[in-house]
N, C-alpha and C. Protein backbone atom coordinates (compact mmCIF):
# COMPACT_ATOMS: atom_id res chain seq x y z
N MET A 1 178.32 179.81 62.48
CA MET A 1 177.70 178.99 63.51
C MET A 1 178.70 177.95 64.03
N LEU A 2 179.41 177.32 63.11
CA LEU A 2 180.38 176.30 63.51
C LEU A 2 181.50 176.90 64.35
N SER A 3 181.89 178.12 64.03
CA SER A 3 182.98 178.74 64.80
C SER A 3 182.54 179.04 66.24
N ALA A 4 181.28 179.40 66.42
CA ALA A 4 180.78 179.66 67.77
C ALA A 4 180.78 178.38 68.60
N VAL A 5 180.43 177.27 67.98
CA VAL A 5 180.46 175.98 68.68
C VAL A 5 181.90 175.61 69.04
N PHE A 6 182.83 175.86 68.12
CA PHE A 6 184.24 175.55 68.37
C PHE A 6 184.79 176.38 69.53
N VAL A 7 184.50 177.69 69.53
CA VAL A 7 184.99 178.56 70.60
C VAL A 7 184.38 178.17 71.94
N THR A 8 183.10 177.85 71.94
CA THR A 8 182.44 177.44 73.19
C THR A 8 183.02 176.13 73.71
N THR A 9 183.24 175.18 72.81
CA THR A 9 183.83 173.90 73.21
C THR A 9 185.24 174.09 73.76
N LEU A 10 186.01 174.93 73.10
CA LEU A 10 187.37 175.20 73.57
C LEU A 10 187.35 175.87 74.94
N SER A 11 186.45 176.81 75.12
CA SER A 11 186.33 177.50 76.40
C SER A 11 185.89 176.55 77.51
N ASN A 12 184.91 175.70 77.23
CA ASN A 12 184.46 174.73 78.23
C ASN A 12 185.57 173.74 78.58
N GLY A 13 186.32 173.31 77.60
CA GLY A 13 187.43 172.40 77.86
C GLY A 13 188.48 173.03 78.76
N MET A 14 188.77 174.31 78.51
CA MET A 14 189.76 174.98 79.36
C MET A 14 189.20 175.19 80.77
N ASP A 15 187.90 175.39 80.88
CA ASP A 15 187.29 175.48 82.22
C ASP A 15 187.46 174.17 82.98
N LEU A 16 187.24 173.06 82.28
CA LEU A 16 187.38 171.75 82.92
C LEU A 16 188.83 171.48 83.34
N LEU A 17 189.77 172.03 82.56
CA LEU A 17 191.18 171.87 82.91
C LEU A 17 191.66 172.91 83.92
N GLN A 18 190.74 173.75 84.37
CA GLN A 18 191.00 174.79 85.37
C GLN A 18 192.08 175.78 84.91
N VAL A 19 191.97 176.18 83.64
CA VAL A 19 192.86 177.21 83.11
C VAL A 19 192.30 178.56 83.55
N SER A 20 193.17 179.46 83.97
CA SER A 20 192.71 180.77 84.47
C SER A 20 192.04 181.57 83.35
N GLY A 21 191.16 182.47 83.75
CA GLY A 21 190.41 183.27 82.79
C GLY A 21 191.30 184.12 81.91
N TYR A 22 192.38 184.65 82.47
CA TYR A 22 193.30 185.48 81.70
C TYR A 22 193.95 184.67 80.58
N VAL A 23 194.39 183.47 80.90
CA VAL A 23 195.02 182.61 79.91
C VAL A 23 194.00 182.17 78.85
N GLN A 24 192.78 181.90 79.28
CA GLN A 24 191.72 181.51 78.34
C GLN A 24 191.48 182.61 77.31
N GLN A 25 191.41 183.85 77.76
CA GLN A 25 191.20 184.96 76.83
C GLN A 25 192.35 185.08 75.84
N ASN A 26 193.57 184.89 76.32
CA ASN A 26 194.73 184.96 75.44
C ASN A 26 194.71 183.84 74.40
N ILE A 27 194.39 182.64 74.83
CA ILE A 27 194.36 181.50 73.91
C ILE A 27 193.25 181.69 72.87
N LEU A 28 192.07 182.09 73.31
CA LEU A 28 190.96 182.30 72.37
C LEU A 28 191.29 183.42 71.39
N GLY A 29 191.92 184.47 71.87
CA GLY A 29 192.33 185.56 70.98
C GLY A 29 193.31 185.10 69.93
N CYS A 30 194.28 184.29 70.34
CA CYS A 30 195.26 183.76 69.39
C CYS A 30 194.61 182.83 68.37
N VAL A 31 193.66 182.03 68.81
CA VAL A 31 192.95 181.13 67.90
C VAL A 31 192.17 181.93 66.86
N ILE A 32 191.51 182.99 67.29
CA ILE A 32 190.73 183.82 66.37
C ILE A 32 191.65 184.53 65.37
N VAL A 33 192.74 185.09 65.85
CA VAL A 33 193.69 185.77 64.96
C VAL A 33 194.29 184.78 63.97
N ALA A 34 194.62 183.58 64.43
CA ALA A 34 195.18 182.56 63.53
C ALA A 34 194.16 182.15 62.48
N ALA A 35 192.89 182.03 62.85
CA ALA A 35 191.85 181.67 61.89
C ALA A 35 191.69 182.75 60.83
N ILE A 36 191.74 184.00 61.23
CA ILE A 36 191.64 185.10 60.26
C ILE A 36 192.84 185.10 59.34
N PHE A 37 194.03 184.87 59.88
CA PHE A 37 195.25 184.83 59.08
C PHE A 37 195.19 183.70 58.05
N VAL A 38 194.78 182.51 58.47
CA VAL A 38 194.69 181.37 57.56
C VAL A 38 193.66 181.64 56.47
N ASP A 39 192.55 182.25 56.83
CA ASP A 39 191.51 182.57 55.85
C ASP A 39 192.03 183.56 54.81
N ARG A 40 192.75 184.59 55.25
CA ARG A 40 193.29 185.57 54.31
C ARG A 40 194.35 184.96 53.40
N VAL A 41 195.20 184.12 53.93
CA VAL A 41 196.21 183.47 53.10
C VAL A 41 195.55 182.56 52.08
N ARG A 42 194.52 181.84 52.51
CA ARG A 42 193.81 180.95 51.60
C ARG A 42 193.13 181.73 50.48
N LEU A 43 192.55 182.88 50.79
CA LEU A 43 191.87 183.69 49.77
C LEU A 43 192.84 184.31 48.78
N THR A 44 194.04 184.68 49.22
CA THR A 44 194.99 185.30 48.31
C THR A 44 195.65 184.28 47.39
N ARG A 45 195.67 183.02 47.75
CA ARG A 45 196.28 182.00 46.90
C ARG A 45 195.36 181.47 45.82
N THR A 46 194.08 181.76 45.90
CA THR A 46 193.15 181.25 44.89
C THR A 46 192.80 182.31 43.88
């Protein structure tokens, strides 16, 4: 639930900054991939 709020907030912020839709998709994709990577690294260290 919290991640959906974060993605929506990030998307709305980029809309307000008039970032193009193509760039928004790329940024959101990178954020999601980075979150998955951090989660996997965190799980393997414990």
